[in-house]
Amino acid sequence: MNKNMLFTYEKNTIKTDLGLLILRLFLGGVMLYSHGWGKMMKLFGDDPIKFADPIGVGMEASLWLTVFAEVVCAFLIAIGLTTRWATIPLIITMLVAVFVIHADDPFGKKEFALLYMVPLITLLLSGAGRFSLDSLFNKKNSSEIL
């Protein structure tokens, strides 16, 4: 590989890693703020828990699982720590939203969950990138497959 090809490869890698950073910060931040925060306040609030129980584990357990995914995992994705593992509960949550919660609803109701799921799958496959805690702690290229 000649010097110009190496420089071009390095520039493209940095662009990809910056793209993954922006994706993680936006996706994790929006998920946590727009979806998880309110559910977390409901979970730790004084009112009795009323929440959907789509997989039959009980309303409180369903809320705990959803808060774990939408708050804890979203935060982990934003900071790039255990990113691939953190995407899995969120992907499951989005699958439940699409195929169980909104199963009988028109596509417009399913669209938001699908729009979250695609970048989550992208992060599952790509990893967090160089600008992440995963990369810092692993001291290796965090874009390797699981």
N, C-alpha and C. Protein backbone atom coordinates (compact mmCIF):
# COMPACT_ATOMS: atom_id res chain seq x y z
N MET A 1 0.86 -1.17 0.00
CA MET A 1 0.00 0.00 0.00
C MET A 1 0.90 1.23 0.00
N ASN A 2 0.67 2.15 -0.96
CA ASN A 2 1.52 3.33 -0.99
C ASN A 2 1.07 4.37 0.02
N LYS A 3 1.89 5.40 0.22
CA LYS A 3 1.65 6.41 1.25
C LYS A 3 0.32 7.14 1.05
N ASN A 4 -0.03 7.49 -0.20
CA ASN A 4 -1.29 8.19 -0.45
C ASN A 4 -2.50 7.33 -0.12
N MET A 5 -2.44 6.05 -0.42
CA MET A 5 -3.54 5.15 -0.10
C MET A 5 -3.72 5.03 1.41
N LEU A 6 -2.60 4.96 2.13
CA LEU A 6 -2.66 4.85 3.58
C LEU A 6 -3.29 6.10 4.19
N PHE A 7 -2.91 7.28 3.69
CA PHE A 7 -3.46 8.53 4.19
C PHE A 7 -4.95 8.61 3.90
N THR A 8 -5.36 8.20 2.72
CA THR A 8 -6.78 8.21 2.36
C THR A 8 -7.55 7.25 3.26
N TYR A 9 -6.99 6.08 3.49
CA TYR A 9 -7.64 5.10 4.37
C TYR A 9 -7.81 5.68 5.77
N GLU A 10 -6.76 6.32 6.30
CA GLU A 10 -6.82 6.91 7.64
C GLU A 10 -7.89 8.00 7.71
N LYS A 11 -7.97 8.86 6.68
CA LYS A 11 -8.98 9.91 6.66
C LYS A 11 -10.38 9.31 6.65
N ASN A 12 -10.59 8.28 5.85
CA ASN A 12 -11.90 7.64 5.78
C ASN A 12 -12.25 6.97 7.10
N THR A 13 -11.27 6.39 7.77
CA THR A 13 -11.51 5.76 9.06
C THR A 13 -11.92 6.81 10.09
N ILE A 14 -11.25 7.93 10.10
CA ILE A 14 -11.59 9.00 11.04
C ILE A 14 -13.00 9.52 10.76
N LYS A 15 -13.35 9.67 9.50
CA LYS A 15 -14.70 10.12 9.15
C LYS A 15 -15.74 9.11 9.63
N THR A 16 -15.46 7.84 9.45
CA THR A 16 -16.38 6.80 9.91
C THR A 16 -16.52 6.83 11.42
N ASP A 17 -15.40 6.97 12.12
CA ASP A 17 -15.44 7.02 13.58
C ASP A 17 -16.17 8.26 14.08
N LEU A 18 -15.99 9.39 13.41
CA LEU A 18 -16.75 10.59 13.78
C LEU A 18 -18.24 10.39 13.52
N GLY A 19 -18.57 9.74 12.42
CA GLY A 19 -19.97 9.43 12.13
C GLY A 19 -20.58 8.53 13.20
N LEU A 20 -19.83 7.53 13.64
CA LEU A 20 -20.32 6.64 14.70
C LEU A 20 -20.49 7.40 16.02
N LEU A 21 -19.58 8.33 16.30
CA LEU A 21 -19.70 9.15 17.51
C LEU A 21 -20.98 9.98 17.47
N ILE A 22 -21.21 10.66 16.36
CA ILE A 22 -22.42 11.47 16.21
C ILE A 22 -23.67 10.60 16.33
N LEU A 23 -23.65 9.45 15.66
CA LEU A 23 -24.79 8.53 15.73
C LEU A 23 -25.06 8.09 17.16
N ARG A 24 -24.01 7.68 17.89
CA ARG A 24 -24.17 7.22 19.27
C ARG A 24 -24.70 8.32 20.18
N LEU A 25 -24.11 9.51 20.08
CA LEU A 25 -24.53 10.62 20.95
C LEU A 25 -25.98 10.99 20.69
N PHE A 26 -26.35 11.10 19.42
CA PHE A 26 -27.72 11.48 19.09
C PHE A 26 -28.71 10.38 19.47
N LEU A 27 -28.44 9.17 19.04
CA LEU A 27 -29.35 8.05 19.29
C LEU A 27 -29.51 7.80 20.78
N GLY A 28 -28.41 7.68 21.49
CA GLY A 28 -28.48 7.44 22.92
C GLY A 28 -29.12 8.59 23.67
N GLY A 29 -28.75 9.81 23.31
CA GLY A 29 -29.31 10.98 23.99
C GLY A 29 -30.80 11.15 23.76
N VAL A 30 -31.24 11.00 22.53
CA VAL A 30 -32.66 11.15 22.22
C VAL A 30 -33.47 10.02 22.86
N MET A 31 -32.96 8.81 22.81
CA MET A 31 -33.67 7.69 23.43
C MET A 31 -33.82 7.92 24.92
N LEU A 32 -32.73 8.30 25.57
CA LEU A 32 -32.77 8.53 27.02
C LEU A 32 -33.71 9.68 27.36
N TYR A 33 -33.57 10.80 26.70
CA TYR A 33 -34.36 11.99 27.03
C TYR A 33 -35.82 11.87 26.62
N SER A 34 -36.06 11.44 25.39
CA SER A 34 -37.43 11.43 24.86
C SER A 34 -38.26 10.24 25.31
N HIS A 35 -37.63 9.13 25.57
CA HIS A 35 -38.38 7.92 25.89
C HIS A 35 -38.11 7.40 27.29
N GLY A 36 -36.86 7.30 27.67
CA GLY A 36 -36.51 6.67 28.93
C GLY A 36 -36.75 7.51 30.16
N TRP A 37 -36.46 8.80 30.09
CA TRP A 37 -36.53 9.64 31.29
C TRP A 37 -37.93 9.65 31.91
N GLY A 38 -38.95 9.85 31.10
CA GLY A 38 -40.32 9.85 31.60
C GLY A 38 -40.71 8.52 32.22
N LYS A 39 -40.29 7.44 31.61
CA LYS A 39 -40.60 6.11 32.14
C LYS A 39 -39.86 5.88 33.46
N MET A 40 -38.63 6.38 33.55
CA MET A 40 -37.88 6.25 34.80
C MET A 40 -38.58 7.05 35.91
N MET A 41 -39.08 8.22 35.60
CA MET A 41 -39.80 9.03 36.59
C MET A 41 -41.08 8.31 37.04
N LYS A 42 -41.73 7.65 36.10
CA LYS A 42 -42.93 6.86 36.43
C LYS A 42 -42.55 5.69 37.34
N LEU A 43 -41.43 5.04 37.04
CA LEU A 43 -40.99 3.88 37.82
C LEU A 43 -40.68 4.27 39.25
N PHE A 44 -40.02 5.39 39.45
CA PHE A 44 -39.60 5.81 40.79
C PHE A 44 -40.56 6.82 41.41
N GLY A 45 -41.67 7.08 40.75
CA GLY A 45 -42.67 8.01 41.27
C GLY A 45 -43.55 7.36 42.32
N ASP A 46 -44.45 8.17 42.88
CA ASP A 46 -45.33 7.70 43.94
C ASP A 46 -46.61 7.04 43.43
N ASP A 47 -46.97 7.32 42.19
CA ASP A 47 -48.21 6.78 41.63
C ASP A 47 -48.08 5.28 41.38
N PRO A 48 -49.20 4.57 41.45
CA PRO A 48 -49.17 3.13 41.11
C PRO A 48 -48.72 2.95 39.65
N ILE A 49 -47.99 1.89 39.41
CA ILE A 49 -47.45 1.65 38.07
C ILE A 49 -48.54 1.10 37.17
N LYS A 50 -48.77 1.83 36.09
CA LYS A 50 -49.66 1.38 35.02
C LYS A 50 -48.84 1.44 33.75
N PHE A 51 -48.52 0.28 33.22
CA PHE A 51 -47.66 0.19 32.05
C PHE A 51 -48.05 -1.05 31.26
N ALA A 52 -47.83 -1.01 29.97
CA ALA A 52 -48.15 -2.16 29.12
C ALA A 52 -47.36 -3.39 29.57
N ASP A 53 -47.97 -4.54 29.41
CA ASP A 53 -47.31 -5.81 29.74
C ASP A 53 -47.33 -6.71 28.50
N PRO A 54 -46.57 -6.33 27.47
CA PRO A 54 -46.68 -7.02 26.19
C PRO A 54 -46.11 -8.44 26.16
N ILE A 55 -45.21 -8.76 27.09
CA ILE A 55 -44.60 -10.09 27.04
C ILE A 55 -44.99 -10.94 28.25
N GLY A 56 -45.96 -10.44 29.03
CA GLY A 56 -46.54 -11.23 30.11
C GLY A 56 -45.70 -11.39 31.36
N VAL A 57 -44.85 -10.42 31.68
CA VAL A 57 -44.03 -10.51 32.89
C VAL A 57 -44.56 -9.62 34.01
N GLY A 58 -45.64 -8.91 33.76
CA GLY A 58 -46.21 -7.99 34.73
C GLY A 58 -45.88 -6.56 34.36
N MET A 59 -46.74 -5.64 34.79
CA MET A 59 -46.55 -4.23 34.44
C MET A 59 -45.27 -3.66 35.03
N GLU A 60 -44.99 -3.98 36.29
CA GLU A 60 -43.79 -3.42 36.93
C GLU A 60 -42.52 -3.97 36.29
N ALA A 61 -42.47 -5.26 36.05
CA ALA A 61 -41.29 -5.86 35.42
C ALA A 61 -41.10 -5.33 34.00
N SER A 62 -42.19 -5.15 33.27
CA SER A 62 -42.11 -4.59 31.92
C SER A 62 -41.54 -3.18 31.96
N LEU A 63 -41.98 -2.40 32.93
CA LEU A 63 -41.46 -1.03 33.06
C LEU A 63 -39.99 -1.05 33.44
N TRP A 64 -39.60 -1.92 34.36
CA TRP A 64 -38.18 -2.05 34.73
C TRP A 64 -37.32 -2.41 33.52
N LEU A 65 -37.77 -3.37 32.74
CA LEU A 65 -37.01 -3.78 31.55
C LEU A 65 -36.90 -2.64 30.54
N THR A 66 -37.98 -1.92 30.36
CA THR A 66 -37.99 -0.81 29.42
C THR A 66 -37.09 0.32 29.91
N VAL A 67 -37.13 0.63 31.19
CA VAL A 67 -36.26 1.66 31.74
C VAL A 67 -34.79 1.24 31.63
N PHE A 68 -34.51 -0.02 31.90
CA PHE A 68 -33.14 -0.50 31.73
C PHE A 68 -32.66 -0.25 30.30
N ALA A 69 -33.49 -0.61 29.33
CA ALA A 69 -33.11 -0.45 27.93
C ALA A 69 -33.01 1.02 27.55
N GLU A 70 -34.05 1.79 27.85
CA GLU A 70 -34.15 3.16 27.34
C GLU A 70 -33.36 4.19 28.15
N VAL A 71 -32.93 3.84 29.36
CA VAL A 71 -32.12 4.76 30.15
C VAL A 71 -30.68 4.24 30.25
N VAL A 72 -30.51 3.08 30.86
CA VAL A 72 -29.17 2.56 31.10
C VAL A 72 -28.46 2.24 29.78
N CYS A 73 -29.11 1.46 28.93
CA CYS A 73 -28.47 1.07 27.66
C CYS A 73 -28.29 2.26 26.73
N ALA A 74 -29.25 3.17 26.71
CA ALA A 74 -29.12 4.38 25.89
C ALA A 74 -27.92 5.21 26.35
N PHE A 75 -27.74 5.33 27.66
CA PHE A 75 -26.59 6.06 28.20
C PHE A 75 -25.28 5.37 27.82
N LEU A 76 -25.25 4.04 27.96
CA LEU A 76 -24.04 3.29 27.58
C LEU A 76 -23.70 3.47 26.11
N ILE A 77 -24.71 3.49 25.26
CA ILE A 77 -24.48 3.72 23.83
C ILE A 77 -23.92 5.12 23.61
N ALA A 78 -24.50 6.11 24.26
CA ALA A 78 -24.04 7.49 24.06
C ALA A 78 -22.57 7.65 24.44
N ILE A 79 -22.14 7.02 25.53
CA ILE A 79 -20.74 7.16 25.94
C ILE A 79 -19.83 6.12 25.29
N GLY A 80 -20.44 5.17 24.60
CA GLY A 80 -19.64 4.18 23.89
C GLY A 80 -19.03 3.12 24.80
N LEU A 81 -19.78 2.69 25.79
CA LEU A 81 -19.28 1.66 26.72
C LEU A 81 -20.15 0.42 26.58
N THR A 82 -19.55 -0.70 26.34
CA THR A 82 -20.24 -1.97 26.05
C THR A 82 -21.33 -1.75 25.00
N THR A 83 -20.98 -1.02 23.99
CA THR A 83 -21.95 -0.54 22.99
C THR A 83 -22.72 -1.67 22.34
N ARG A 84 -22.02 -2.67 21.85
CA ARG A 84 -22.71 -3.76 21.16
C ARG A 84 -23.70 -4.46 22.07
N TRP A 85 -23.29 -4.75 23.29
CA TRP A 85 -24.19 -5.40 24.24
C TRP A 85 -25.36 -4.49 24.59
N ALA A 86 -25.11 -3.19 24.70
CA ALA A 86 -26.17 -2.25 25.06
C ALA A 86 -27.23 -2.10 23.97
N THR A 87 -26.86 -2.40 22.74
CA THR A 87 -27.86 -2.29 21.66
C THR A 87 -28.91 -3.41 21.74
N ILE A 88 -28.54 -4.54 22.28
CA ILE A 88 -29.43 -5.71 22.24
C ILE A 88 -30.75 -5.47 23.00
N PRO A 89 -30.73 -5.00 24.26
CA PRO A 89 -32.02 -4.75 24.92
C PRO A 89 -32.86 -3.69 24.20
N LEU A 90 -32.21 -2.70 23.61
CA LEU A 90 -32.97 -1.68 22.88
C LEU A 90 -33.55 -2.23 21.59
N ILE A 91 -32.83 -3.07 20.90
CA ILE A 91 -33.36 -3.71 19.69
C ILE A 91 -34.58 -4.57 20.07
N ILE A 92 -34.45 -5.32 21.15
CA ILE A 92 -35.59 -6.15 21.60
C ILE A 92 -36.78 -5.27 21.95
N THR A 93 -36.52 -4.16 22.65
CA THR A 93 -37.60 -3.23 23.01
C THR A 93 -38.29 -2.69 21.76
N MET A 94 -37.50 -2.34 20.74
CA MET A 94 -38.09 -1.81 19.50
C MET A 94 -38.85 -2.90 18.76
N LEU A 95 -38.36 -4.13 18.77
CA LEU A 95 -39.09 -5.24 18.15
C LEU A 95 -40.43 -5.47 18.84
N VAL A 96 -40.44 -5.41 20.16
CA VAL A 96 -41.69 -5.56 20.91
C VAL A 96 -42.63 -4.41 20.56
N ALA A 97 -42.10 -3.20 20.47
CA ALA A 97 -42.94 -2.05 20.11
C ALA A 97 -43.57 -2.24 18.74
N VAL A 98 -42.78 -2.69 17.77
CA VAL A 98 -43.29 -2.84 16.40
C VAL A 98 -44.26 -4.01 16.28
N PHE A 99 -43.87 -5.18 16.79
CA PHE A 99 -44.63 -6.39 16.51
C PHE A 99 -45.65 -6.79 17.59
N VAL A 100 -45.59 -6.15 18.76
CA VAL A 100 -46.55 -6.49 19.81
C VAL A 100 -47.40 -5.26 20.17
N ILE A 101 -46.75 -4.22 20.66
CA ILE A 101 -47.49 -3.03 21.10
C ILE A 101 -48.28 -2.41 19.94
N HIS A 102 -47.62 -2.23 18.81
CA HIS A 102 -48.25 -1.57 17.66
C HIS A 102 -48.59 -2.55 16.53
N ALA A 103 -48.78 -3.80 16.87
CA ALA A 103 -49.03 -4.83 15.86
C ALA A 103 -50.22 -4.51 14.97
N ASP A 104 -51.29 -4.00 15.56
CA ASP A 104 -52.51 -3.72 14.79
C ASP A 104 -52.60 -2.28 14.32
N ASP A 105 -51.59 -1.49 14.63
CA ASP A 105 -51.60 -0.07 14.27
C ASP A 105 -51.09 0.13 12.84
N PRO A 106 -51.40 1.28 12.25
CA PRO A 106 -50.86 1.57 10.91
C PRO A 106 -49.34 1.77 10.97
N PHE A 107 -48.72 1.73 9.82
CA PHE A 107 -47.27 1.82 9.72
C PHE A 107 -46.72 3.06 10.42
N GLY A 108 -47.43 4.16 10.37
CA GLY A 108 -46.98 5.40 11.00
C GLY A 108 -46.68 5.24 12.48
N LYS A 109 -47.40 4.39 13.16
CA LYS A 109 -47.16 4.13 14.59
C LYS A 109 -45.93 3.25 14.80
N LYS A 110 -45.63 2.40 13.84
CA LYS A 110 -44.48 1.50 13.94
C LYS A 110 -43.19 2.18 13.49
N GLU A 111 -43.36 3.24 12.72
CA GLU A 111 -42.22 3.88 12.06
C GLU A 111 -41.15 4.34 13.04
N PHE A 112 -41.53 4.95 14.16
CA PHE A 112 -40.53 5.46 15.10
C PHE A 112 -39.66 4.34 15.65
N ALA A 113 -40.27 3.25 16.03
CA ALA A 113 -39.50 2.12 16.56
C ALA A 113 -38.55 1.58 15.49
N LEU A 114 -39.02 1.51 14.26
CA LEU A 114 -38.16 1.04 13.17
C LEU A 114 -37.02 2.01 12.91
N LEU A 115 -37.31 3.31 13.01
CA LEU A 115 -36.27 4.32 12.79
C LEU A 115 -35.21 4.29 13.89
N TYR A 116 -35.57 3.85 15.08
CA TYR A 116 -34.57 3.63 16.13
C TYR A 116 -33.82 2.32 15.91
N MET A 117 -34.52 1.31 15.43
CA MET A 117 -33.93 -0.01 15.32
C MET A 117 -32.81 -0.07 14.27
N VAL A 118 -32.95 0.63 13.17
CA VAL A 118 -31.93 0.56 12.11
C VAL A 118 -30.57 1.06 12.60
N PRO A 119 -30.46 2.24 13.23
CA PRO A 119 -29.14 2.63 13.72
C PRO A 119 -28.65 1.76 14.87
N LEU A 120 -29.56 1.19 15.65
CA LEU A 120 -29.14 0.26 16.70
C LEU A 120 -28.49 -0.98 16.10
N ILE A 121 -29.09 -1.51 15.04
CA ILE A 121 -28.50 -2.66 14.36
C ILE A 121 -27.17 -2.27 13.73
N THR A 122 -27.09 -1.07 13.19
CA THR A 122 -25.83 -0.57 12.63
C THR A 122 -24.74 -0.56 13.70
N LEU A 123 -25.04 -0.05 14.89
CA LEU A 123 -24.05 -0.03 15.97
C LEU A 123 -23.72 -1.43 16.47
N LEU A 124 -24.69 -2.32 16.47
CA LEU A 124 -24.43 -3.71 16.84
C LEU A 124 -23.39 -4.31 15.90
N LEU A 125 -23.53 -4.04 14.61
CA LEU A 125 -22.62 -4.62 13.63
C LEU A 125 -21.28 -3.90 13.56
N SER A 126 -21.29 -2.58 13.72
CA SER A 126 -20.06 -1.80 13.52
C SER A 126 -19.26 -1.58 14.79
N GLY A 127 -19.92 -1.57 15.93
CA GLY A 127 -19.24 -1.20 17.16
C GLY A 127 -19.29 0.31 17.34
N ALA A 128 -18.70 0.78 18.42
CA ALA A 128 -18.79 2.19 18.81
C ALA A 128 -17.83 3.09 18.05
N GLY A 129 -16.80 2.53 17.49
CA GLY A 129 -15.80 3.35 16.80
C GLY A 129 -14.67 3.77 17.73
N ARG A 130 -13.73 4.48 17.16
CA ARG A 130 -12.51 4.86 17.87
C ARG A 130 -12.77 5.85 19.00
N PHE A 131 -13.75 6.73 18.82
CA PHE A 131 -14.02 7.78 19.81
C PHE A 131 -15.07 7.30 20.82
N SER A 132 -14.69 6.29 21.58
CA SER A 132 -15.62 5.68 22.52
C SER A 132 -14.83 5.12 23.71
N LEU A 133 -15.54 4.85 24.78
CA LEU A 133 -14.90 4.21 25.92
C LEU A 133 -14.55 2.76 25.60
N ASP A 134 -15.32 2.13 24.75
CA ASP A 134 -14.98 0.77 24.31
C ASP A 134 -13.57 0.75 23.72
N SER A 135 -13.30 1.67 22.84
CA SER A 135 -12.00 1.74 22.18
C SER A 135 -10.90 2.07 23.19
N LEU A 136 -11.17 2.99 24.08
CA LEU A 136 -10.19 3.38 25.08
C LEU A 136 -9.82 2.22 25.99
N PHE A 137 -10.84 1.49 26.47
CA PHE A 137 -10.59 0.38 27.39
C PHE A 137 -10.02 -0.85 26.69
N ASN A 138 -10.43 -1.08 25.46
CA ASN A 138 -9.97 -2.27 24.74
C ASN A 138 -8.60 -2.08 24.13
N LYS A 139 -8.21 -0.83 23.91
CA LYS A 139 -6.91 -0.53 23.28
C LYS A 139 -6.72 -1.28 21.98
N LYS A 140 -7.83 -1.49 21.30
CA LYS A 140 -7.76 -2.13 19.98
C LYS A 140 -8.88 -1.55 19.13
N ASN A 141 -8.95 -1.91 17.91
CA ASN A 141 -9.97 -1.41 17.01
C ASN A 141 -11.33 -1.94 17.45
N SER A 142 -12.20 -1.06 17.92
CA SER A 142 -13.50 -1.50 18.44
C SER A 142 -14.51 -1.78 17.33
N SER A 143 -14.09 -1.75 16.08
CA SER A 143 -15.03 -2.03 15.00
C SER A 143 -14.98 -3.49 14.57
N GLU A 144 -14.29 -4.34 15.34
CA GLU A 144 -14.29 -5.77 15.03
C GLU A 144 -15.65 -6.37 15.37
N ILE A 145 -16.00 -7.42 14.69
CA ILE A 145 -17.27 -8.10 14.94
C ILE A 145 -17.22 -8.77 16.32
N LEU A 146 -18.40 -8.84 16.96
CA LEU A 146 -18.51 -9.46 18.29
C LEU A 146 -17.57 -10.61 18.42
